Amino acid sequence: MRRLTIGVAACTEVMGLLVTMAWADGELKDEEIAGIRSAADTLNLNQEMRDRLEGFMADAPMPGDLSLDTLSKRDAEFAYVAAAWLARVDDSVDEEEWDLLAEIGDVFEMDIDRREELTQYAMELPAPPDGESWSSGIVELFRTIVSTVEEEAVAVDFE
């Protein structure tokens, strides 16, 4: 089994991107906030990274507010798939979410063919069980994305 290692800083930016997508509808729900905090616990993020996430939750970040330019190409593709998955997690993708995905693709300088391929991966990922917030299963989402994109079973480690 191969292992994917994602650094804490990259993990935090991916989480920040998910917070950005969660805000796309103009509201961050209480259960999403609780789930993000729970995910930060599960991922064992340090206080500095948790404070960064708290800032994202307080003030609806835009992709330009994140340090996305520090992500490797693989981490950027991972982040894009996670964002696309979140956009469709409620079984529909709103126009604001499509617009935000386009902006994210632009930030990552992804060509349209790669965006479409990654979006297709995201559409095939399982949604969380009924009644569960997307953020409550973030580690499993990370594992699922990796195994889908890499087409090989991998484990996720956080540095």
N, C-alpha and C. Protein backbone atom coordinates (compact mmCIF):
# COMPACT_ATOMS: atom_id res chain seq x y z
N MET A 1 0.85 -1.19 0.00
CA MET A 1 0.00 0.00 0.00
C MET A 1 0.88 1.24 0.00
N ARG A 2 0.61 2.14 -0.94
CA ARG A 2 1.33 3.41 -0.95
C ARG A 2 0.71 4.33 0.07
N ARG A 3 1.48 5.32 0.49
CA ARG A 3 0.98 6.30 1.45
C ARG A 3 1.05 7.68 0.82
N LEU A 4 0.02 8.44 1.00
CA LEU A 4 0.02 9.84 0.60
C LEU A 4 0.30 10.64 1.86
N THR A 5 1.29 11.48 1.80
CA THR A 5 1.56 12.35 2.93
C THR A 5 1.18 13.76 2.52
N ILE A 6 0.36 14.37 3.32
CA ILE A 6 -0.04 15.75 3.06
C ILE A 6 0.40 16.56 4.27
N GLY A 7 1.11 17.64 4.02
CA GLY A 7 1.60 18.47 5.10
C GLY A 7 0.48 19.20 5.81
N VAL A 8 0.74 19.59 7.03
CA VAL A 8 -0.27 20.30 7.83
C VAL A 8 -0.69 21.59 7.15
N ALA A 9 0.27 22.34 6.62
CA ALA A 9 -0.08 23.60 5.95
C ALA A 9 -0.97 23.34 4.74
N ALA A 10 -0.64 22.32 3.93
CA ALA A 10 -1.47 21.99 2.77
C ALA A 10 -2.85 21.53 3.21
N CYS A 11 -2.89 20.71 4.25
CA CYS A 11 -4.16 20.23 4.79
C CYS A 11 -5.02 21.41 5.23
N THR A 12 -4.41 22.37 5.88
CA THR A 12 -5.15 23.55 6.36
C THR A 12 -5.70 24.35 5.19
N GLU A 13 -4.92 24.50 4.12
CA GLU A 13 -5.40 25.26 2.96
C GLU A 13 -6.53 24.50 2.26
N VAL A 14 -6.42 23.17 2.18
CA VAL A 14 -7.51 22.38 1.60
C VAL A 14 -8.77 22.55 2.45
N MET A 15 -8.61 22.46 3.77
CA MET A 15 -9.76 22.69 4.65
C MET A 15 -10.32 24.09 4.47
N GLY A 16 -9.44 25.08 4.32
CA GLY A 16 -9.88 26.45 4.07
C GLY A 16 -10.68 26.55 2.78
N LEU A 17 -10.24 25.81 1.77
CA LEU A 17 -10.97 25.80 0.50
C LEU A 17 -12.35 25.18 0.68
N LEU A 18 -12.43 24.15 1.50
CA LEU A 18 -13.74 23.55 1.78
C LEU A 18 -14.64 24.52 2.54
N VAL A 19 -14.06 25.28 3.46
CA VAL A 19 -14.84 26.31 4.15
C VAL A 19 -15.34 27.34 3.14
N THR A 20 -14.48 27.72 2.19
CA THR A 20 -14.87 28.66 1.14
C THR A 20 -16.06 28.12 0.35
N MET A 21 -16.00 26.83 -0.01
CA MET A 21 -17.11 26.22 -0.74
C MET A 21 -18.37 26.17 0.13
N ALA A 22 -18.20 25.88 1.41
CA ALA A 22 -19.36 25.83 2.31
C ALA A 22 -20.03 27.20 2.40
N TRP A 23 -19.24 28.26 2.29
CA TRP A 23 -19.77 29.63 2.35
C TRP A 23 -20.41 30.05 1.02
N ALA A 24 -20.24 29.27 -0.04
CA ALA A 24 -20.71 29.69 -1.37
C ALA A 24 -22.20 30.03 -1.39
N ASP A 25 -22.97 29.38 -0.53
CA ASP A 25 -24.40 29.68 -0.47
C ASP A 25 -24.71 30.88 0.41
N GLY A 26 -23.66 31.53 0.94
CA GLY A 26 -23.85 32.72 1.75
C GLY A 26 -24.04 32.46 3.23
N GLU A 27 -23.96 31.19 3.63
CA GLU A 27 -24.19 30.84 5.03
C GLU A 27 -23.31 29.66 5.42
N LEU A 28 -22.71 29.75 6.59
CA LEU A 28 -21.98 28.62 7.16
C LEU A 28 -22.81 28.13 8.33
N LYS A 29 -23.36 26.95 8.18
CA LYS A 29 -24.29 26.41 9.18
C LYS A 29 -23.54 25.95 10.43
N ASP A 30 -24.26 25.95 11.57
CA ASP A 30 -23.67 25.54 12.84
C ASP A 30 -23.08 24.13 12.78
N GLU A 31 -23.78 23.22 12.10
CA GLU A 31 -23.26 21.85 12.02
C GLU A 31 -21.99 21.79 11.16
N GLU A 32 -21.85 22.69 10.18
CA GLU A 32 -20.63 22.75 9.39
C GLU A 32 -19.47 23.27 10.25
N ILE A 33 -19.74 24.28 11.04
CA ILE A 33 -18.72 24.81 11.94
C ILE A 33 -18.26 23.73 12.92
N ALA A 34 -19.22 23.03 13.52
CA ALA A 34 -18.88 21.95 14.46
C ALA A 34 -18.08 20.86 13.76
N GLY A 35 -18.47 20.53 12.54
CA GLY A 35 -17.77 19.50 11.79
C GLY A 35 -16.35 19.90 11.43
N ILE A 36 -16.16 21.15 11.07
CA ILE A 36 -14.82 21.65 10.74
C ILE A 36 -13.93 21.58 11.97
N ARG A 37 -14.46 21.99 13.09
CA ARG A 37 -13.68 21.92 14.34
C ARG A 37 -13.36 20.47 14.70
N SER A 38 -14.31 19.59 14.50
CA SER A 38 -14.08 18.17 14.77
C SER A 38 -13.02 17.61 13.82
N ALA A 39 -13.07 18.02 12.55
CA ALA A 39 -12.07 17.57 11.59
C ALA A 39 -10.68 18.08 11.98
N ALA A 40 -10.59 19.32 12.46
CA ALA A 40 -9.30 19.86 12.91
C ALA A 40 -8.76 19.03 14.06
N ASP A 41 -9.65 18.57 14.95
CA ASP A 41 -9.23 17.68 16.04
C ASP A 41 -8.73 16.35 15.48
N THR A 42 -9.51 15.77 14.59
CA THR A 42 -9.16 14.47 14.01
C THR A 42 -7.83 14.55 13.26
N LEU A 43 -7.62 15.66 12.55
CA LEU A 43 -6.38 15.85 11.78
C LEU A 43 -5.24 16.33 12.66
N ASN A 44 -5.54 16.58 13.94
CA ASN A 44 -4.53 16.99 14.91
C ASN A 44 -3.79 18.26 14.48
N LEU A 45 -4.56 19.24 13.99
CA LEU A 45 -3.95 20.50 13.56
C LEU A 45 -3.49 21.29 14.78
N ASN A 46 -2.35 21.96 14.62
CA ASN A 46 -1.84 22.75 15.73
C ASN A 46 -2.69 24.02 15.90
N GLN A 47 -2.45 24.74 16.99
CA GLN A 47 -3.29 25.89 17.33
C GLN A 47 -3.22 26.97 16.25
N GLU A 48 -2.06 27.19 15.68
CA GLU A 48 -1.93 28.21 14.62
C GLU A 48 -2.83 27.87 13.43
N MET A 49 -2.85 26.61 13.04
CA MET A 49 -3.68 26.19 11.91
C MET A 49 -5.17 26.24 12.28
N ARG A 50 -5.48 25.87 13.52
CA ARG A 50 -6.87 25.96 13.97
C ARG A 50 -7.35 27.41 13.97
N ASP A 51 -6.48 28.31 14.43
CA ASP A 51 -6.83 29.74 14.42
C ASP A 51 -7.07 30.22 12.99
N ARG A 52 -6.26 29.73 12.05
CA ARG A 52 -6.45 30.10 10.64
C ARG A 52 -7.82 29.63 10.15
N LEU A 53 -8.19 28.40 10.49
CA LEU A 53 -9.51 27.89 10.10
C LEU A 53 -10.63 28.69 10.75
N GLU A 54 -10.45 29.06 12.02
CA GLU A 54 -11.46 29.87 12.71
C GLU A 54 -11.65 31.20 11.97
N GLY A 55 -10.55 31.78 11.50
CA GLY A 55 -10.66 33.02 10.73
C GLY A 55 -11.44 32.81 9.44
N PHE A 56 -11.20 31.69 8.77
CA PHE A 56 -11.93 31.38 7.54
C PHE A 56 -13.42 31.23 7.82
N MET A 57 -13.74 30.60 8.95
CA MET A 57 -15.15 30.39 9.27
C MET A 57 -15.84 31.71 9.64
N ALA A 58 -15.10 32.64 10.19
CA ALA A 58 -15.68 33.91 10.63
C ALA A 58 -15.96 34.85 9.47
N ASP A 59 -15.12 34.82 8.46
CA ASP A 59 -15.20 35.83 7.40
C ASP A 59 -15.17 35.27 5.99
N ALA A 60 -16.04 34.38 5.66
CA ALA A 60 -16.21 33.84 4.30
C ALA A 60 -15.02 34.11 3.37
N PRO A 61 -14.00 33.28 3.40
CA PRO A 61 -12.82 33.54 2.58
C PRO A 61 -13.09 33.33 1.10
N MET A 62 -12.29 33.95 0.29
CA MET A 62 -12.27 33.72 -1.15
C MET A 62 -10.98 32.97 -1.46
N PRO A 63 -10.90 32.31 -2.61
CA PRO A 63 -9.66 31.58 -2.91
C PRO A 63 -8.40 32.44 -2.78
N GLY A 64 -8.49 33.72 -3.08
CA GLY A 64 -7.34 34.61 -2.96
C GLY A 64 -6.89 34.84 -1.53
N ASP A 65 -7.75 34.54 -0.56
CA ASP A 65 -7.40 34.69 0.85
C ASP A 65 -6.59 33.50 1.38
N LEU A 66 -6.56 32.43 0.60
CA LEU A 66 -5.87 31.21 1.00
C LEU A 66 -4.47 31.20 0.38
N SER A 67 -3.61 30.39 0.92
CA SER A 67 -2.24 30.26 0.38
C SER A 67 -2.20 29.09 -0.61
N LEU A 68 -3.07 29.15 -1.60
CA LEU A 68 -3.18 28.05 -2.55
C LEU A 68 -1.96 27.93 -3.45
N ASP A 69 -1.25 29.04 -3.63
CA ASP A 69 -0.05 29.01 -4.48
C ASP A 69 1.08 28.19 -3.85
N THR A 70 0.93 27.82 -2.58
CA THR A 70 1.96 27.01 -1.93
C THR A 70 1.73 25.51 -2.12
N LEU A 71 0.58 25.15 -2.68
CA LEU A 71 0.26 23.73 -2.86
C LEU A 71 1.00 23.16 -4.06
N SER A 72 1.45 21.93 -3.93
CA SER A 72 2.04 21.22 -5.06
C SER A 72 0.92 20.94 -6.07
N LYS A 73 1.29 20.53 -7.27
CA LYS A 73 0.28 20.22 -8.28
C LYS A 73 -0.65 19.13 -7.78
N ARG A 74 -0.09 18.10 -7.16
CA ARG A 74 -0.92 17.00 -6.66
C ARG A 74 -1.86 17.47 -5.56
N ASP A 75 -1.35 18.29 -4.63
CA ASP A 75 -2.21 18.81 -3.57
C ASP A 75 -3.29 19.74 -4.14
N ALA A 76 -2.94 20.50 -5.17
CA ALA A 76 -3.92 21.39 -5.81
C ALA A 76 -5.04 20.57 -6.46
N GLU A 77 -4.68 19.49 -7.13
CA GLU A 77 -5.70 18.63 -7.74
C GLU A 77 -6.56 17.97 -6.67
N PHE A 78 -5.93 17.55 -5.61
CA PHE A 78 -6.63 16.98 -4.46
C PHE A 78 -7.64 18.01 -3.93
N ALA A 79 -7.18 19.24 -3.74
CA ALA A 79 -8.05 20.32 -3.23
C ALA A 79 -9.21 20.58 -4.18
N TYR A 80 -8.93 20.59 -5.47
CA TYR A 80 -9.99 20.84 -6.46
C TYR A 80 -11.07 19.75 -6.38
N VAL A 81 -10.64 18.48 -6.29
CA VAL A 81 -11.60 17.38 -6.20
C VAL A 81 -12.43 17.53 -4.92
N ALA A 82 -11.79 17.85 -3.81
CA ALA A 82 -12.52 18.03 -2.55
C ALA A 82 -13.55 19.15 -2.68
N ALA A 83 -13.16 20.26 -3.30
CA ALA A 83 -14.09 21.39 -3.48
C ALA A 83 -15.24 21.01 -4.40
N ALA A 84 -14.95 20.31 -5.49
CA ALA A 84 -16.00 19.89 -6.41
C ALA A 84 -16.95 18.91 -5.74
N TRP A 85 -16.40 17.99 -4.93
CA TRP A 85 -17.24 17.05 -4.19
C TRP A 85 -18.17 17.80 -3.26
N LEU A 86 -17.63 18.78 -2.55
CA LEU A 86 -18.46 19.53 -1.60
C LEU A 86 -19.56 20.29 -2.33
N ALA A 87 -19.26 20.80 -3.51
CA ALA A 87 -20.27 21.54 -4.27
C ALA A 87 -21.48 20.66 -4.59
N ARG A 88 -21.26 19.37 -4.81
CA ARG A 88 -22.37 18.50 -5.19
C ARG A 88 -22.87 17.61 -4.06
N VAL A 89 -22.35 17.79 -2.86
CA VAL A 89 -22.70 16.89 -1.76
C VAL A 89 -24.19 16.91 -1.42
N ASP A 90 -24.86 18.01 -1.71
CA ASP A 90 -26.30 18.09 -1.44
C ASP A 90 -27.12 17.72 -2.68
N ASP A 91 -26.51 17.02 -3.63
CA ASP A 91 -27.15 16.51 -4.84
C ASP A 91 -27.49 17.58 -5.87
N SER A 92 -27.01 18.77 -5.69
CA SER A 92 -27.16 19.81 -6.70
C SER A 92 -25.99 20.76 -6.59
N VAL A 93 -25.64 21.36 -7.70
CA VAL A 93 -24.56 22.35 -7.71
C VAL A 93 -25.17 23.67 -8.16
N ASP A 94 -25.15 24.65 -7.26
CA ASP A 94 -25.70 25.97 -7.56
C ASP A 94 -24.76 26.74 -8.47
N GLU A 95 -25.31 27.75 -9.11
CA GLU A 95 -24.51 28.59 -10.01
C GLU A 95 -23.32 29.23 -9.28
N GLU A 96 -23.54 29.65 -8.03
CA GLU A 96 -22.44 30.24 -7.25
C GLU A 96 -21.32 29.24 -7.02
N GLU A 97 -21.70 27.98 -6.82
CA GLU A 97 -20.70 26.93 -6.61
C GLU A 97 -19.92 26.65 -7.90
N TRP A 98 -20.62 26.61 -9.06
CA TRP A 98 -19.91 26.44 -10.33
C TRP A 98 -18.95 27.59 -10.57
N ASP A 99 -19.41 28.81 -10.27
CA ASP A 99 -18.54 29.98 -10.44
C ASP A 99 -17.31 29.89 -9.56
N LEU A 100 -17.50 29.46 -8.32
CA LEU A 100 -16.38 29.33 -7.40
C LEU A 100 -15.42 28.24 -7.86
N LEU A 101 -15.95 27.13 -8.35
CA LEU A 101 -15.08 26.08 -8.89
C LEU A 101 -14.26 26.58 -10.07
N ALA A 102 -14.88 27.39 -10.93
CA ALA A 102 -14.14 27.97 -12.05
C ALA A 102 -13.02 28.87 -11.55
N GLU A 103 -13.32 29.66 -10.53
CA GLU A 103 -12.29 30.53 -9.95
C GLU A 103 -11.15 29.70 -9.34
N ILE A 104 -11.51 28.63 -8.66
CA ILE A 104 -10.49 27.76 -8.07
C ILE A 104 -9.61 27.15 -9.16
N GLY A 105 -10.24 26.69 -10.23
CA GLY A 105 -9.48 26.15 -11.36
C GLY A 105 -8.54 27.17 -11.96
N ASP A 106 -9.00 28.43 -12.03
CA ASP A 106 -8.14 29.50 -12.52
C ASP A 106 -6.96 29.74 -11.60
N VAL A 107 -7.22 29.76 -10.30
CA VAL A 107 -6.14 29.97 -9.32
C VAL A 107 -5.09 28.88 -9.47
N PHE A 108 -5.54 27.64 -9.68
CA PHE A 108 -4.61 26.51 -9.83
C PHE A 108 -4.03 26.40 -11.25
N GLU A 109 -4.49 27.30 -12.13
CA GLU A 109 -4.02 27.31 -13.53
C GLU A 109 -4.22 25.94 -14.19
N MET A 110 -5.39 25.35 -13.95
CA MET A 110 -5.73 24.05 -14.53
C MET A 110 -6.40 24.26 -15.88
N ASP A 111 -6.02 23.44 -16.84
CA ASP A 111 -6.70 23.53 -18.12
C ASP A 111 -8.10 22.90 -18.00
N ILE A 112 -8.96 23.24 -18.92
CA ILE A 112 -10.36 22.85 -18.84
C ILE A 112 -10.52 21.33 -18.87
N ASP A 113 -9.69 20.63 -19.64
CA ASP A 113 -9.80 19.17 -19.70
C ASP A 113 -9.52 18.54 -18.34
N ARG A 114 -8.49 19.04 -17.65
CA ARG A 114 -8.17 18.48 -16.33
C ARG A 114 -9.26 18.81 -15.33
N ARG A 115 -9.82 20.01 -15.40
CA ARG A 115 -10.92 20.38 -14.51
C ARG A 115 -12.09 19.43 -14.70
N GLU A 116 -12.43 19.15 -15.96
CA GLU A 116 -13.56 18.26 -16.24
C GLU A 116 -13.29 16.85 -15.72
N GLU A 117 -12.07 16.38 -15.90
CA GLU A 117 -11.69 15.05 -15.41
C GLU A 117 -11.81 14.98 -13.88
N LEU A 118 -11.27 15.98 -13.20
CA LEU A 118 -11.32 16.00 -11.74
C LEU A 118 -12.74 16.19 -11.22
N THR A 119 -13.53 16.99 -11.93
CA THR A 119 -14.93 17.17 -11.54
C THR A 119 -15.68 15.85 -11.66
N GLN A 120 -15.38 15.10 -12.72
CA GLN A 120 -16.02 13.79 -12.88
C GLN A 120 -15.65 12.86 -11.72
N TYR A 121 -14.38 12.86 -11.31
CA TYR A 121 -13.98 12.08 -10.13
C TYR A 121 -14.83 12.48 -8.93
N ALA A 122 -14.97 13.78 -8.73
CA ALA A 122 -15.71 14.28 -7.57
C ALA A 122 -17.16 13.83 -7.60
N MET A 123 -17.76 13.83 -8.79
CA MET A 123 -19.16 13.43 -8.91
C MET A 123 -19.36 11.96 -8.59
N GLU A 124 -18.31 11.16 -8.72
CA GLU A 124 -18.40 9.73 -8.47
C GLU A 124 -18.10 9.35 -7.01
N LEU A 125 -17.58 10.29 -6.24
CA LEU A 125 -17.28 10.01 -4.83
C LEU A 125 -18.58 9.89 -4.04
N PRO A 126 -18.60 9.01 -3.05
CA PRO A 126 -19.83 8.85 -2.26
C PRO A 126 -20.11 10.07 -1.39
N ALA A 127 -21.37 10.36 -1.24
CA ALA A 127 -21.80 11.44 -0.33
C ALA A 127 -21.77 10.89 1.09
N PRO A 128 -21.72 11.77 2.08
CA PRO A 128 -21.77 11.28 3.47
C PRO A 128 -23.12 10.62 3.74
N PRO A 129 -23.15 9.72 4.70
CA PRO A 129 -24.44 9.07 5.05
C PRO A 129 -25.48 10.12 5.43
N ASP A 130 -26.73 9.78 5.21
CA ASP A 130 -27.82 10.69 5.55
C ASP A 130 -27.70 11.18 6.98
N GLY A 131 -27.90 12.47 7.16
CA GLY A 131 -27.87 13.06 8.48
C GLY A 131 -26.48 13.46 8.95
N GLU A 132 -25.44 13.11 8.18
CA GLU A 132 -24.08 13.47 8.58
C GLU A 132 -23.61 14.68 7.78
N SER A 133 -22.91 15.58 8.45
CA SER A 133 -22.32 16.73 7.78
C SER A 133 -21.14 16.26 6.94
N TRP A 134 -20.88 16.95 5.84
CA TRP A 134 -19.72 16.62 5.01
C TRP A 134 -18.44 16.66 5.81
N SER A 135 -18.36 17.59 6.75
CA SER A 135 -17.10 17.79 7.46
C SER A 135 -16.85 16.75 8.54
N SER A 136 -17.87 16.02 8.94
CA SER A 136 -17.66 15.01 9.98
C SER A 136 -16.84 13.84 9.48
N GLY A 137 -16.81 13.63 8.19
CA GLY A 137 -16.06 12.51 7.63
C GLY A 137 -14.90 12.96 6.77
N ILE A 138 -14.26 14.07 7.13
CA ILE A 138 -13.23 14.67 6.27
C ILE A 138 -12.05 13.73 6.04
N VAL A 139 -11.62 12.99 7.04
CA VAL A 139 -10.48 12.09 6.83
C VAL A 139 -10.86 11.00 5.84
N GLU A 140 -12.07 10.47 5.97
CA GLU A 140 -12.52 9.46 5.01
C GLU A 140 -12.64 10.06 3.62
N LEU A 141 -13.11 11.30 3.51
CA LEU A 141 -13.15 11.98 2.22
C LEU A 141 -11.75 12.05 1.63
N PHE A 142 -10.78 12.44 2.44
CA PHE A 142 -9.40 12.52 1.97
C PHE A 142 -8.93 11.17 1.46
N ARG A 143 -9.21 10.10 2.20
CA ARG A 143 -8.81 8.75 1.77
C ARG A 143 -9.49 8.37 0.46
N THR A 144 -10.78 8.68 0.35
CA THR A 144 -11.54 8.33 -0.84
C THR A 144 -11.03 9.09 -2.05
N ILE A 145 -10.75 10.38 -1.88
CA ILE A 145 -10.22 11.16 -3.00
C ILE A 145 -8.92 10.56 -3.48
N VAL A 146 -8.04 10.26 -2.56
CA VAL A 146 -6.74 9.73 -2.94
C VAL A 146 -6.90 8.42 -3.69
N SER A 147 -7.71 7.51 -3.16
CA SER A 147 -7.83 6.22 -3.81
C SER A 147 -8.52 6.34 -5.16
N THR A 148 -9.41 7.31 -5.32
CA THR A 148 -10.08 7.50 -6.59
C THR A 148 -9.16 8.15 -7.61
N VAL A 149 -8.50 9.22 -7.21
CA VAL A 149 -7.64 9.94 -8.14
C VAL A 149 -6.41 9.12 -8.49
N GLU A 150 -5.83 8.49 -7.50
CA GLU A 150 -4.61 7.72 -7.73
C GLU A 150 -4.90 6.31 -8.25
N GLU A 151 -6.18 5.89 -8.19
CA GLU A 151 -6.61 4.57 -8.64
C GLU A 151 -5.80 3.45 -7.98
N GLU A 152 -5.46 3.64 -6.74
CA GLU A 152 -4.73 2.65 -5.98
C GLU A 152 -5.01 2.91 -4.51
N ALA A 153 -5.19 1.88 -3.74
CA ALA A 153 -5.48 2.05 -2.32
C ALA A 153 -4.27 2.69 -1.63
N VAL A 154 -4.53 3.72 -0.91
CA VAL A 154 -3.46 4.40 -0.18
C VAL A 154 -3.98 4.77 1.19
N ALA A 155 -3.05 5.02 2.08
CA ALA A 155 -3.40 5.54 3.39
C ALA A 155 -2.98 7.00 3.44
N VAL A 156 -3.62 7.77 4.27
CA VAL A 156 -3.30 9.19 4.38
C VAL A 156 -2.58 9.43 5.68
N ASP A 157 -1.43 10.05 5.61
CA ASP A 157 -0.69 10.47 6.78
C ASP A 157 -0.64 11.99 6.77
N PHE A 158 -0.63 12.58 7.94
CA PHE A 158 -0.51 14.02 8.06
C PHE A 158 0.80 14.33 8.76
N GLU A 159 1.59 15.21 8.15
CA GLU A 159 2.89 15.58 8.74
C GLU A 159 2.70 16.64 9.79
